[in-house]
Amino acid sequence: MFPGNLGVFEWGGLSLNSDRQVAVMNPLALPFVSKLKREDPNRAETIKGSGTEGGFQPMYGTPYSVSLEPFLSPLGLPCKQPGWGYIAGVDLTTHKIVWKKRIGTIRDSLPKLMQLPPLKIGVPGLGGVISTAGGVMFVAATQDNYIRAFNVSNGEQLWQARLPAGGQATPMTYMQNGKQYIVIMAGGHSSFGTKLGDALVAYKLPDAK
């Protein structure tokens, strides 16, 4: 299936920055494979799935279970020419894409015995973006374990930090004592293949000059 089960825009959504009249987002292009397995048609309706996002899950009312997996090569990379993940900005007045750039590397996607330079190939992401009144977009959804900040006007990368696990969540921001903070839940995602964890990480934005 292409686009796959994550679609072009997954559940993370996009962010509308009204101050600069731009919508920022992280579209992806990841093919999926869906498999059906015949089950006992008389099984109980209350039968449980695998207990995780992966594996065969019951399809109630049918004699089948289904598994949904990304279409990957033996190396664990998508079977599609890169890029697989992007960030983009759309002008809210003209509805035109004003910038689009690849995001993320395959640093955390390959077996430990095989390491390649951290090229910006553009990897899939699972998790949304936010943008601030200061014109900064934050996203931590990619398969490499980073949170990154970008200029919403042109997509220029401003900052990045390594996370202890996959950042498959949408960041949030808050103010305390006149300081602005960005928070991300780095819990990973088993069916997305990122490192699992339970870290809640906060960063303080620099003071205005």
N, C-alpha and C. Protein backbone atom coordinates (compact mmCIF):
# COMPACT_ATOMS: atom_id res chain seq x y z
N MET A 1 0.85 -1.19 0.00
CA MET A 1 0.00 0.00 0.00
C MET A 1 0.88 1.24 0.00
N PHE A 2 0.53 2.18 -0.84
CA PHE A 2 1.27 3.45 -0.87
C PHE A 2 0.33 4.58 -1.27
N PRO A 3 0.21 5.65 -0.50
CA PRO A 3 0.84 5.82 0.81
C PRO A 3 0.39 4.72 1.77
N GLY A 4 1.26 4.42 2.75
CA GLY A 4 1.01 3.34 3.68
C GLY A 4 -0.01 3.70 4.74
N ASN A 5 -0.07 2.88 5.78
CA ASN A 5 -1.05 3.09 6.84
C ASN A 5 -0.86 4.40 7.59
N LEU A 6 0.34 4.94 7.53
CA LEU A 6 0.58 6.23 8.17
C LEU A 6 0.14 7.38 7.31
N GLY A 7 -0.16 7.11 6.03
CA GLY A 7 -0.61 8.17 5.14
C GLY A 7 0.49 9.14 4.79
N VAL A 8 0.13 10.26 4.24
CA VAL A 8 1.07 11.35 3.98
C VAL A 8 1.17 12.22 5.23
N PHE A 9 0.04 12.42 5.90
CA PHE A 9 0.03 13.10 7.20
C PHE A 9 -0.58 12.14 8.20
N GLU A 10 0.24 11.70 9.17
CA GLU A 10 -0.25 10.76 10.15
C GLU A 10 -0.94 11.51 11.28
N TRP A 11 -1.21 10.83 12.39
CA TRP A 11 -2.01 11.40 13.46
C TRP A 11 -1.39 12.64 14.09
N GLY A 12 -0.12 12.89 13.83
CA GLY A 12 0.52 14.04 14.45
C GLY A 12 0.01 15.38 13.94
N GLY A 13 -0.50 15.42 12.70
CA GLY A 13 -1.08 16.65 12.17
C GLY A 13 -0.03 17.69 11.79
N LEU A 14 -0.48 18.93 11.70
CA LEU A 14 0.38 20.05 11.31
C LEU A 14 0.16 21.21 12.27
N SER A 15 0.93 22.28 12.07
CA SER A 15 0.83 23.45 12.94
C SER A 15 0.61 24.69 12.09
N LEU A 16 -0.38 25.49 12.46
CA LEU A 16 -0.67 26.74 11.77
C LEU A 16 -0.02 27.89 12.52
N ASN A 17 0.91 28.59 11.87
CA ASN A 17 1.57 29.73 12.48
C ASN A 17 0.96 31.00 11.89
N SER A 18 -0.02 31.55 12.61
CA SER A 18 -0.76 32.69 12.10
C SER A 18 0.09 33.95 12.03
N ASP A 19 1.11 34.07 12.89
CA ASP A 19 1.96 35.26 12.88
C ASP A 19 2.68 35.41 11.55
N ARG A 20 3.10 34.31 10.98
CA ARG A 20 3.83 34.34 9.70
C ARG A 20 3.02 33.78 8.55
N GLN A 21 1.74 33.47 8.81
CA GLN A 21 0.82 32.98 7.78
C GLN A 21 1.40 31.79 7.01
N VAL A 22 1.86 30.80 7.78
CA VAL A 22 2.41 29.60 7.17
C VAL A 22 1.96 28.39 7.99
N ALA A 23 1.68 27.29 7.30
CA ALA A 23 1.41 26.01 7.95
C ALA A 23 2.65 25.15 7.82
N VAL A 24 3.15 24.60 8.93
CA VAL A 24 4.34 23.74 8.89
C VAL A 24 3.92 22.32 9.22
N MET A 25 4.63 21.36 8.62
CA MET A 25 4.22 19.96 8.72
C MET A 25 5.40 19.05 8.44
N ASN A 26 5.20 17.74 8.65
CA ASN A 26 6.24 16.75 8.36
C ASN A 26 5.64 15.59 7.57
N PRO A 27 5.39 15.77 6.28
CA PRO A 27 4.83 14.68 5.46
C PRO A 27 5.83 13.54 5.29
N LEU A 28 5.31 12.33 5.04
CA LEU A 28 6.16 11.17 4.86
C LEU A 28 5.68 10.35 3.67
N ALA A 29 6.59 9.52 3.15
CA ALA A 29 6.30 8.66 2.01
C ALA A 29 6.84 7.28 2.32
N LEU A 30 6.02 6.44 2.94
CA LEU A 30 6.47 5.14 3.43
C LEU A 30 5.48 4.06 3.01
N PRO A 31 5.89 3.13 2.12
CA PRO A 31 4.99 2.03 1.73
C PRO A 31 4.83 1.01 2.84
N PHE A 32 3.67 0.35 2.89
CA PHE A 32 3.35 -0.65 3.89
C PHE A 32 2.92 -1.96 3.23
N VAL A 33 3.03 -3.04 3.96
CA VAL A 33 2.53 -4.34 3.54
C VAL A 33 1.52 -4.82 4.57
N SER A 34 0.35 -5.24 4.10
CA SER A 34 -0.70 -5.76 4.97
C SER A 34 -0.88 -7.24 4.67
N LYS A 35 -0.92 -8.08 5.72
CA LYS A 35 -1.08 -9.52 5.55
C LYS A 35 -2.29 -10.00 6.35
N LEU A 36 -3.06 -10.90 5.74
CA LEU A 36 -4.20 -11.53 6.40
C LEU A 36 -3.86 -12.96 6.78
N LYS A 37 -4.33 -13.40 7.93
CA LYS A 37 -4.16 -14.79 8.37
C LYS A 37 -5.51 -15.33 8.77
N ARG A 38 -5.86 -16.49 8.19
CA ARG A 38 -7.16 -17.08 8.49
C ARG A 38 -7.18 -17.65 9.90
N GLU A 39 -8.25 -17.36 10.63
CA GLU A 39 -8.41 -17.82 11.99
C GLU A 39 -9.64 -18.71 12.11
N ASP A 40 -9.88 -19.24 13.27
CA ASP A 40 -11.07 -20.04 13.54
C ASP A 40 -12.30 -19.13 13.48
N PRO A 41 -13.24 -19.37 12.57
CA PRO A 41 -14.41 -18.49 12.47
C PRO A 41 -15.29 -18.53 13.71
N ASN A 42 -15.12 -19.52 14.57
CA ASN A 42 -15.95 -19.64 15.77
C ASN A 42 -15.26 -19.09 17.02
N ARG A 43 -14.13 -18.42 16.83
CA ARG A 43 -13.40 -17.92 18.00
C ARG A 43 -14.23 -16.87 18.74
N ALA A 44 -13.90 -16.67 19.99
CA ALA A 44 -14.64 -15.71 20.80
C ALA A 44 -14.35 -14.28 20.35
N GLU A 45 -15.36 -13.44 20.41
CA GLU A 45 -15.19 -12.04 20.02
C GLU A 45 -14.21 -11.31 20.94
N THR A 46 -14.02 -11.83 22.14
CA THR A 46 -13.17 -11.14 23.11
C THR A 46 -11.71 -11.52 22.99
N ILE A 47 -11.33 -12.33 21.97
CA ILE A 47 -9.93 -12.73 21.82
C ILE A 47 -9.03 -11.49 21.73
N LYS A 48 -7.89 -11.56 22.37
CA LYS A 48 -6.99 -10.41 22.42
C LYS A 48 -5.97 -10.47 21.29
N GLY A 49 -5.41 -9.30 20.97
CA GLY A 49 -4.34 -9.23 19.98
C GLY A 49 -3.01 -9.61 20.60
N SER A 50 -1.94 -9.20 19.93
CA SER A 50 -0.60 -9.59 20.37
C SER A 50 -0.15 -8.82 21.61
N GLY A 51 -0.87 -7.77 21.96
CA GLY A 51 -0.48 -6.96 23.11
C GLY A 51 0.45 -5.83 22.77
N THR A 52 0.83 -5.73 21.50
CA THR A 52 1.66 -4.63 21.03
C THR A 52 1.07 -4.09 19.74
N GLU A 53 1.71 -3.04 19.20
CA GLU A 53 1.24 -2.51 17.93
C GLU A 53 1.58 -3.44 16.77
N GLY A 54 2.61 -4.30 16.95
CA GLY A 54 3.05 -5.20 15.91
C GLY A 54 2.37 -6.56 15.99
N GLY A 55 2.59 -7.38 14.97
CA GLY A 55 2.03 -8.72 14.97
C GLY A 55 0.61 -8.75 14.43
N PHE A 56 0.04 -9.96 14.39
CA PHE A 56 -1.33 -10.14 13.89
C PHE A 56 -2.35 -9.72 14.94
N GLN A 57 -3.32 -8.93 14.50
CA GLN A 57 -4.37 -8.43 15.38
C GLN A 57 -5.72 -8.96 14.91
N PRO A 58 -6.63 -9.30 15.83
CA PRO A 58 -7.94 -9.84 15.42
C PRO A 58 -8.78 -8.80 14.69
N MET A 59 -9.49 -9.24 13.66
CA MET A 59 -10.47 -8.42 12.95
C MET A 59 -11.84 -8.97 13.34
N TYR A 60 -12.47 -8.35 14.32
CA TYR A 60 -13.71 -8.86 14.87
C TYR A 60 -14.80 -8.93 13.81
N GLY A 61 -15.58 -10.00 13.83
CA GLY A 61 -16.64 -10.19 12.86
C GLY A 61 -16.19 -10.88 11.60
N THR A 62 -14.90 -11.20 11.51
CA THR A 62 -14.35 -11.91 10.34
C THR A 62 -13.49 -13.07 10.83
N PRO A 63 -13.21 -14.05 9.96
CA PRO A 63 -12.33 -15.15 10.35
C PRO A 63 -10.86 -14.85 10.08
N TYR A 64 -10.45 -13.58 10.15
CA TYR A 64 -9.09 -13.20 9.81
C TYR A 64 -8.45 -12.35 10.90
N SER A 65 -7.13 -12.42 10.95
CA SER A 65 -6.31 -11.45 11.67
C SER A 65 -5.47 -10.71 10.65
N VAL A 66 -4.98 -9.54 11.02
CA VAL A 66 -4.23 -8.72 10.07
C VAL A 66 -2.96 -8.19 10.73
N SER A 67 -1.89 -8.13 9.94
CA SER A 67 -0.66 -7.47 10.39
C SER A 67 -0.36 -6.33 9.43
N LEU A 68 0.15 -5.24 9.98
CA LEU A 68 0.49 -4.05 9.20
C LEU A 68 1.95 -3.73 9.48
N GLU A 69 2.78 -3.79 8.44
CA GLU A 69 4.20 -3.57 8.63
C GLU A 69 4.74 -2.69 7.50
N PRO A 70 5.72 -1.85 7.78
CA PRO A 70 6.35 -1.07 6.70
C PRO A 70 7.07 -2.00 5.73
N PHE A 71 7.10 -1.62 4.46
CA PHE A 71 7.74 -2.41 3.41
C PHE A 71 9.22 -2.07 3.42
N LEU A 72 10.04 -2.95 4.04
CA LEU A 72 11.44 -2.65 4.27
C LEU A 72 12.33 -3.64 3.54
N SER A 73 13.54 -3.20 3.24
CA SER A 73 14.57 -4.06 2.66
C SER A 73 15.20 -4.92 3.76
N PRO A 74 16.06 -5.89 3.40
CA PRO A 74 16.75 -6.68 4.43
C PRO A 74 17.60 -5.83 5.38
N LEU A 75 17.98 -4.63 4.95
CA LEU A 75 18.74 -3.73 5.82
C LEU A 75 17.86 -2.97 6.79
N GLY A 76 16.55 -3.10 6.62
CA GLY A 76 15.64 -2.38 7.49
C GLY A 76 15.28 -1.00 7.00
N LEU A 77 15.62 -0.68 5.75
CA LEU A 77 15.30 0.63 5.17
C LEU A 77 14.12 0.49 4.22
N PRO A 78 13.31 1.54 4.04
CA PRO A 78 12.14 1.46 3.16
C PRO A 78 12.51 1.06 1.73
N CYS A 79 11.68 0.22 1.12
CA CYS A 79 11.88 -0.20 -0.28
C CYS A 79 11.29 0.86 -1.21
N LYS A 80 11.91 2.00 -1.18
CA LYS A 80 11.48 3.13 -2.02
C LYS A 80 12.65 4.09 -2.09
N GLN A 81 12.80 4.72 -3.24
CA GLN A 81 13.87 5.71 -3.37
C GLN A 81 13.67 6.83 -2.35
N PRO A 82 14.71 7.21 -1.59
CA PRO A 82 14.57 8.34 -0.65
C PRO A 82 14.40 9.65 -1.41
N GLY A 83 13.84 10.73 -0.75
CA GLY A 83 13.55 10.76 0.67
C GLY A 83 12.22 10.13 1.07
N TRP A 84 12.21 9.77 2.34
CA TRP A 84 11.05 9.14 2.94
C TRP A 84 10.33 10.06 3.92
N GLY A 85 11.00 11.10 4.37
CA GLY A 85 10.39 12.02 5.31
C GLY A 85 10.86 13.44 5.07
N TYR A 86 9.96 14.39 5.28
CA TYR A 86 10.24 15.79 4.96
C TYR A 86 9.67 16.70 6.05
N ILE A 87 10.10 17.95 6.01
CA ILE A 87 9.38 19.04 6.65
C ILE A 87 9.03 20.01 5.54
N ALA A 88 7.94 20.74 5.71
CA ALA A 88 7.49 21.64 4.65
C ALA A 88 6.70 22.79 5.24
N GLY A 89 6.69 23.89 4.51
CA GLY A 89 5.89 25.05 4.87
C GLY A 89 4.99 25.44 3.72
N VAL A 90 3.71 25.71 4.03
CA VAL A 90 2.72 26.09 3.03
C VAL A 90 2.21 27.49 3.36
N ASP A 91 2.24 28.37 2.37
CA ASP A 91 1.74 29.74 2.54
C ASP A 91 0.22 29.70 2.68
N LEU A 92 -0.30 30.26 3.78
CA LEU A 92 -1.73 30.20 4.05
C LEU A 92 -2.54 31.13 3.14
N THR A 93 -1.86 32.04 2.45
CA THR A 93 -2.56 32.95 1.54
C THR A 93 -2.65 32.38 0.13
N THR A 94 -1.51 31.88 -0.37
CA THR A 94 -1.47 31.36 -1.74
C THR A 94 -1.73 29.85 -1.80
N HIS A 95 -1.63 29.17 -0.65
CA HIS A 95 -1.78 27.71 -0.57
C HIS A 95 -0.69 26.98 -1.36
N LYS A 96 0.44 27.62 -1.53
CA LYS A 96 1.57 27.04 -2.25
C LYS A 96 2.64 26.58 -1.25
N ILE A 97 3.36 25.50 -1.62
CA ILE A 97 4.50 25.06 -0.81
C ILE A 97 5.63 26.06 -1.01
N VAL A 98 6.05 26.71 0.06
CA VAL A 98 7.10 27.74 -0.04
C VAL A 98 8.48 27.17 0.26
N TRP A 99 8.54 26.06 0.98
CA TRP A 99 9.80 25.34 1.18
C TRP A 99 9.50 23.90 1.59
N LYS A 100 10.40 22.99 1.22
CA LYS A 100 10.28 21.57 1.54
C LYS A 100 11.67 20.98 1.61
N LYS A 101 11.99 20.33 2.73
CA LYS A 101 13.34 19.80 2.93
C LYS A 101 13.28 18.42 3.58
N ARG A 102 14.27 17.60 3.27
CA ARG A 102 14.38 16.30 3.91
C ARG A 102 14.77 16.47 5.37
N ILE A 103 14.28 15.55 6.20
CA ILE A 103 14.61 15.60 7.63
C ILE A 103 15.03 14.22 8.10
N GLY A 104 16.12 14.17 8.85
CA GLY A 104 16.53 12.95 9.50
C GLY A 104 17.53 12.12 8.72
N THR A 105 18.23 11.26 9.46
CA THR A 105 19.26 10.38 8.90
C THR A 105 18.93 8.93 9.25
N ILE A 106 19.70 8.00 8.67
CA ILE A 106 19.50 6.58 8.96
C ILE A 106 20.43 6.11 10.08
N ARG A 107 20.89 7.03 10.89
CA ARG A 107 21.83 6.70 11.98
C ARG A 107 21.32 5.57 12.86
N ASP A 108 20.04 5.56 13.18
CA ASP A 108 19.49 4.57 14.11
C ASP A 108 18.66 3.50 13.41
N SER A 109 18.79 3.40 12.08
CA SER A 109 17.98 2.44 11.33
C SER A 109 18.75 1.22 10.87
N LEU A 110 20.07 1.27 10.89
CA LEU A 110 20.89 0.19 10.37
C LEU A 110 21.40 -0.71 11.49
N PRO A 111 21.74 -1.97 11.16
CA PRO A 111 22.36 -2.84 12.18
C PRO A 111 23.63 -2.20 12.74
N LYS A 112 23.95 -2.53 13.98
CA LYS A 112 25.09 -1.93 14.66
C LYS A 112 26.41 -2.17 13.92
N LEU A 113 26.50 -3.28 13.19
CA LEU A 113 27.73 -3.59 12.48
C LEU A 113 27.89 -2.81 11.19
N MET A 114 26.88 -2.07 10.80
CA MET A 114 26.93 -1.33 9.54
C MET A 114 26.61 0.13 9.80
N GLN A 115 27.58 0.99 9.65
CA GLN A 115 27.38 2.41 9.89
C GLN A 115 27.75 3.19 8.64
N LEU A 116 26.88 4.10 8.27
CA LEU A 116 27.12 4.99 7.13
C LEU A 116 27.16 6.43 7.63
N PRO A 117 27.74 7.34 6.85
CA PRO A 117 27.73 8.75 7.26
C PRO A 117 26.30 9.23 7.50
N PRO A 118 26.10 10.11 8.47
CA PRO A 118 24.75 10.58 8.80
C PRO A 118 24.20 11.56 7.75
N LEU A 119 23.98 11.05 6.54
CA LEU A 119 23.47 11.88 5.46
C LEU A 119 22.00 12.21 5.71
N LYS A 120 21.60 13.41 5.30
CA LYS A 120 20.21 13.81 5.44
C LYS A 120 19.38 13.20 4.31
N ILE A 121 19.14 11.89 4.44
CA ILE A 121 18.37 11.17 3.44
C ILE A 121 16.90 11.57 3.50
N GLY A 122 16.41 11.82 4.70
CA GLY A 122 15.00 12.10 4.90
C GLY A 122 14.28 10.84 5.32
N VAL A 123 14.06 10.67 6.63
CA VAL A 123 13.48 9.43 7.15
C VAL A 123 12.05 9.66 7.61
N PRO A 124 11.24 8.59 7.66
CA PRO A 124 9.85 8.74 8.10
C PRO A 124 9.76 9.28 9.52
N GLY A 125 8.65 9.91 9.80
CA GLY A 125 8.39 10.43 11.14
C GLY A 125 7.00 10.03 11.60
N LEU A 126 6.86 9.85 12.90
CA LEU A 126 5.57 9.52 13.50
C LEU A 126 5.40 10.40 14.73
N GLY A 127 4.67 11.48 14.55
CA GLY A 127 4.51 12.49 15.60
C GLY A 127 4.40 13.85 14.96
N GLY A 128 3.70 14.76 15.60
CA GLY A 128 3.41 16.05 15.00
C GLY A 128 4.47 17.10 15.25
N VAL A 129 4.18 18.30 14.75
CA VAL A 129 5.06 19.45 14.90
C VAL A 129 4.33 20.55 15.66
N ILE A 130 5.09 21.44 16.26
CA ILE A 130 4.53 22.66 16.83
C ILE A 130 5.34 23.84 16.32
N SER A 131 4.77 25.02 16.40
CA SER A 131 5.51 26.23 16.05
C SER A 131 5.18 27.32 17.07
N THR A 132 6.15 28.20 17.30
CA THR A 132 6.01 29.23 18.33
C THR A 132 5.80 30.59 17.70
N ALA A 133 5.39 31.53 18.54
CA ALA A 133 5.21 32.90 18.08
C ALA A 133 6.54 33.51 17.64
N GLY A 134 7.65 32.95 18.09
CA GLY A 134 8.96 33.41 17.65
C GLY A 134 9.37 32.89 16.30
N GLY A 135 8.51 32.11 15.64
CA GLY A 135 8.80 31.64 14.30
C GLY A 135 9.69 30.41 14.26
N VAL A 136 9.59 29.55 15.28
CA VAL A 136 10.42 28.34 15.34
C VAL A 136 9.50 27.12 15.35
N MET A 137 9.86 26.14 14.52
CA MET A 137 9.13 24.88 14.43
C MET A 137 9.93 23.81 15.16
N PHE A 138 9.27 22.98 15.98
CA PHE A 138 9.92 21.89 16.68
C PHE A 138 9.29 20.57 16.25
N VAL A 139 10.14 19.56 16.03
CA VAL A 139 9.66 18.23 15.64
C VAL A 139 10.65 17.20 16.16
N ALA A 140 10.11 16.06 16.63
CA ALA A 140 10.97 14.99 17.17
C ALA A 140 10.46 13.63 16.72
N ALA A 141 9.87 13.54 15.55
CA ALA A 141 9.15 12.35 15.12
C ALA A 141 9.99 11.34 14.37
N THR A 142 11.18 11.73 13.92
CA THR A 142 11.93 10.92 12.96
C THR A 142 12.47 9.63 13.56
N GLN A 143 12.85 8.70 12.65
CA GLN A 143 13.38 7.41 13.09
C GLN A 143 14.76 7.52 13.73
N ASP A 144 15.49 8.59 13.47
CA ASP A 144 16.69 8.82 14.27
C ASP A 144 16.26 9.62 15.50
N ASN A 145 16.87 9.35 16.62
CA ASN A 145 16.37 9.84 17.91
C ASN A 145 16.83 11.26 18.19
N TYR A 146 16.23 12.22 17.49
CA TYR A 146 16.57 13.62 17.67
C TYR A 146 15.31 14.47 17.79
N ILE A 147 15.44 15.60 18.47
CA ILE A 147 14.48 16.68 18.39
C ILE A 147 15.18 17.82 17.67
N ARG A 148 14.45 18.48 16.76
CA ARG A 148 15.06 19.52 15.95
C ARG A 148 14.19 20.77 15.93
N ALA A 149 14.85 21.90 15.67
CA ALA A 149 14.15 23.17 15.53
C ALA A 149 14.48 23.78 14.17
N PHE A 150 13.46 24.39 13.54
CA PHE A 150 13.61 24.97 12.21
C PHE A 150 12.95 26.35 12.16
N ASN A 151 13.45 27.18 11.27
CA ASN A 151 12.83 28.47 10.98
C ASN A 151 11.57 28.22 10.15
N VAL A 152 10.42 28.69 10.62
CA VAL A 152 9.17 28.41 9.90
C VAL A 152 9.09 29.14 8.57
N SER A 153 9.89 30.19 8.38
CA SER A 153 9.82 30.98 7.16
C SER A 153 10.55 30.34 5.99
N ASN A 154 11.65 29.60 6.28
CA ASN A 154 12.44 29.04 5.18
C ASN A 154 12.91 27.60 5.41
N GLY A 155 12.60 27.01 6.55
CA GLY A 155 12.98 25.63 6.82
C GLY A 155 14.42 25.45 7.25
N GLU A 156 15.14 26.53 7.50
CA GLU A 156 16.54 26.42 7.94
C GLU A 156 16.60 25.76 9.32
N GLN A 157 17.48 24.76 9.46
CA GLN A 157 17.62 24.11 10.76
C GLN A 157 18.39 25.01 11.71
N LEU A 158 17.84 25.20 12.91
CA LEU A 158 18.41 26.09 13.90
C LEU A 158 19.11 25.34 15.04
N TRP A 159 18.68 24.10 15.30
CA TRP A 159 19.17 23.40 16.49
C TRP A 159 18.72 21.94 16.43
N GLN A 160 19.48 21.06 17.11
CA GLN A 160 19.03 19.69 17.31
C GLN A 160 19.66 19.13 18.57
N ALA A 161 19.02 18.13 19.16
CA ALA A 161 19.53 17.48 20.37
C ALA A 161 19.19 16.01 20.31
N ARG A 162 20.09 15.19 20.83
CA ARG A 162 19.92 13.75 20.84
C ARG A 162 18.97 13.35 21.96
N LEU A 163 18.02 12.45 21.64
CA LEU A 163 17.07 11.95 22.63
C LEU A 163 17.48 10.56 23.10
N PRO A 164 17.09 10.17 24.32
CA PRO A 164 17.45 8.86 24.83
C PRO A 164 16.65 7.72 24.21
N ALA A 165 15.57 8.03 23.49
CA ALA A 165 14.74 7.03 22.82
C ALA A 165 13.99 7.75 21.70
N GLY A 166 13.17 7.00 20.96
CA GLY A 166 12.44 7.59 19.85
C GLY A 166 11.47 8.67 20.31
N GLY A 167 11.41 9.76 19.57
CA GLY A 167 10.52 10.87 19.91
C GLY A 167 9.22 10.82 19.14
N GLN A 168 8.52 9.69 19.18
CA GLN A 168 7.28 9.54 18.42
C GLN A 168 6.11 10.16 19.18
N ALA A 169 6.15 11.46 19.28
CA ALA A 169 5.13 12.25 19.97
C ALA A 169 5.21 13.68 19.44
N THR A 170 4.22 14.48 19.78
CA THR A 170 4.23 15.89 19.41
C THR A 170 4.79 16.70 20.58
N PRO A 171 5.79 17.55 20.35
CA PRO A 171 6.31 18.36 21.45
C PRO A 171 5.24 19.31 21.99
N MET A 172 5.47 19.80 23.18
CA MET A 172 4.61 20.85 23.74
C MET A 172 5.50 21.96 24.28
N THR A 173 4.92 23.13 24.49
CA THR A 173 5.67 24.26 25.01
C THR A 173 4.88 24.92 26.13
N TYR A 174 5.60 25.51 27.09
CA TYR A 174 4.96 26.22 28.19
C TYR A 174 5.89 27.31 28.70
N MET A 175 5.33 28.23 29.45
CA MET A 175 6.09 29.33 30.05
C MET A 175 6.08 29.18 31.57
N GLN A 176 7.22 29.48 32.20
CA GLN A 176 7.31 29.51 33.65
C GLN A 176 8.32 30.56 34.06
N ASN A 177 7.88 31.49 34.89
CA ASN A 177 8.74 32.57 35.38
C ASN A 177 9.41 33.33 34.23
N GLY A 178 8.65 33.55 33.18
CA GLY A 178 9.16 34.32 32.05
C GLY A 178 10.07 33.55 31.12
N LYS A 179 10.25 32.25 31.34
CA LYS A 179 11.10 31.41 30.50
C LYS A 179 10.22 30.45 29.69
N GLN A 180 10.60 30.21 28.44
CA GLN A 180 9.84 29.29 27.61
C GLN A 180 10.58 27.96 27.51
N TYR A 181 9.81 26.88 27.61
CA TYR A 181 10.36 25.53 27.58
C TYR A 181 9.68 24.70 26.49
N ILE A 182 10.44 23.72 25.95
CA ILE A 182 9.92 22.73 25.03
C ILE A 182 10.05 21.37 25.70
N VAL A 183 8.99 20.57 25.67
CA VAL A 183 8.98 19.26 26.30
C VAL A 183 8.63 18.20 25.26
N ILE A 184 9.31 17.05 25.32
CA ILE A 184 9.01 15.94 24.42
C ILE A 184 9.02 14.64 25.20
N MET A 185 8.05 13.79 24.93
CA MET A 185 8.03 12.45 25.51
C MET A 185 8.79 11.51 24.59
N ALA A 186 9.94 11.01 25.04
CA ALA A 186 10.77 10.10 24.24
C ALA A 186 10.49 8.67 24.70
N GLY A 187 9.44 8.10 24.14
CA GLY A 187 9.04 6.76 24.53
C GLY A 187 9.27 5.71 23.47
N GLY A 188 9.57 6.17 22.23
CA GLY A 188 9.75 5.24 21.14
C GLY A 188 8.44 4.62 20.68
N HIS A 189 8.53 3.71 19.70
CA HIS A 189 7.33 3.10 19.14
C HIS A 189 7.73 1.76 18.54
N SER A 190 7.16 0.67 19.06
CA SER A 190 7.64 -0.66 18.67
C SER A 190 7.39 -0.96 17.20
N SER A 191 6.20 -0.66 16.66
CA SER A 191 5.94 -0.98 15.27
C SER A 191 6.64 -0.02 14.32
N PHE A 192 7.14 1.10 14.83
CA PHE A 192 7.88 2.05 14.02
C PHE A 192 9.37 1.74 14.04
N GLY A 193 9.78 0.87 14.95
CA GLY A 193 11.15 0.39 14.99
C GLY A 193 12.13 1.27 15.73
N THR A 194 11.65 2.25 16.49
CA THR A 194 12.57 3.11 17.22
C THR A 194 12.81 2.57 18.63
N LYS A 195 13.87 3.05 19.25
CA LYS A 195 14.23 2.61 20.59
C LYS A 195 13.15 2.99 21.58
N LEU A 196 12.75 2.04 22.44
CA LEU A 196 11.73 2.30 23.44
C LEU A 196 12.35 2.91 24.69
N GLY A 197 11.57 3.70 25.40
CA GLY A 197 12.05 4.35 26.61
C GLY A 197 10.90 4.98 27.37
N ASP A 198 11.23 5.72 28.42
CA ASP A 198 10.19 6.38 29.22
C ASP A 198 10.66 7.75 29.70
N ALA A 199 11.43 8.44 28.84
CA ALA A 199 12.01 9.72 29.24
C ALA A 199 11.10 10.89 28.86
N LEU A 200 10.95 11.82 29.76
CA LEU A 200 10.28 13.09 29.49
C LEU A 200 11.35 14.17 29.56
N VAL A 201 11.65 14.79 28.42
CA VAL A 201 12.81 15.69 28.32
C VAL A 201 12.32 17.12 28.08
N ALA A 202 12.90 18.06 28.81
CA ALA A 202 12.54 19.47 28.66
C ALA A 202 13.78 20.29 28.31
N TYR A 203 13.59 21.28 27.45
CA TYR A 203 14.66 22.19 27.04
C TYR A 203 14.18 23.62 27.26
N LYS A 204 15.07 24.47 27.76
CA LYS A 204 14.75 25.89 27.91
C LYS A 204 15.21 26.66 26.70
N LEU A 205 14.31 27.45 26.12
CA LEU A 205 14.69 28.28 24.99
C LEU A 205 15.59 29.42 25.47
N PRO A 206 16.53 29.86 24.61
CA PRO A 206 17.40 30.98 25.02
C PRO A 206 16.58 32.24 25.21
N ASP A 207 17.06 33.10 26.09
CA ASP A 207 16.38 34.36 26.33
C ASP A 207 16.45 35.25 25.09
N ALA A 208 15.43 36.06 24.91
CA ALA A 208 15.40 36.98 23.77
C ALA A 208 16.52 37.99 23.90
N LYS A 209 17.14 38.32 22.77
CA LYS A 209 18.24 39.29 22.77
C LYS A 209 17.69 40.69 22.55
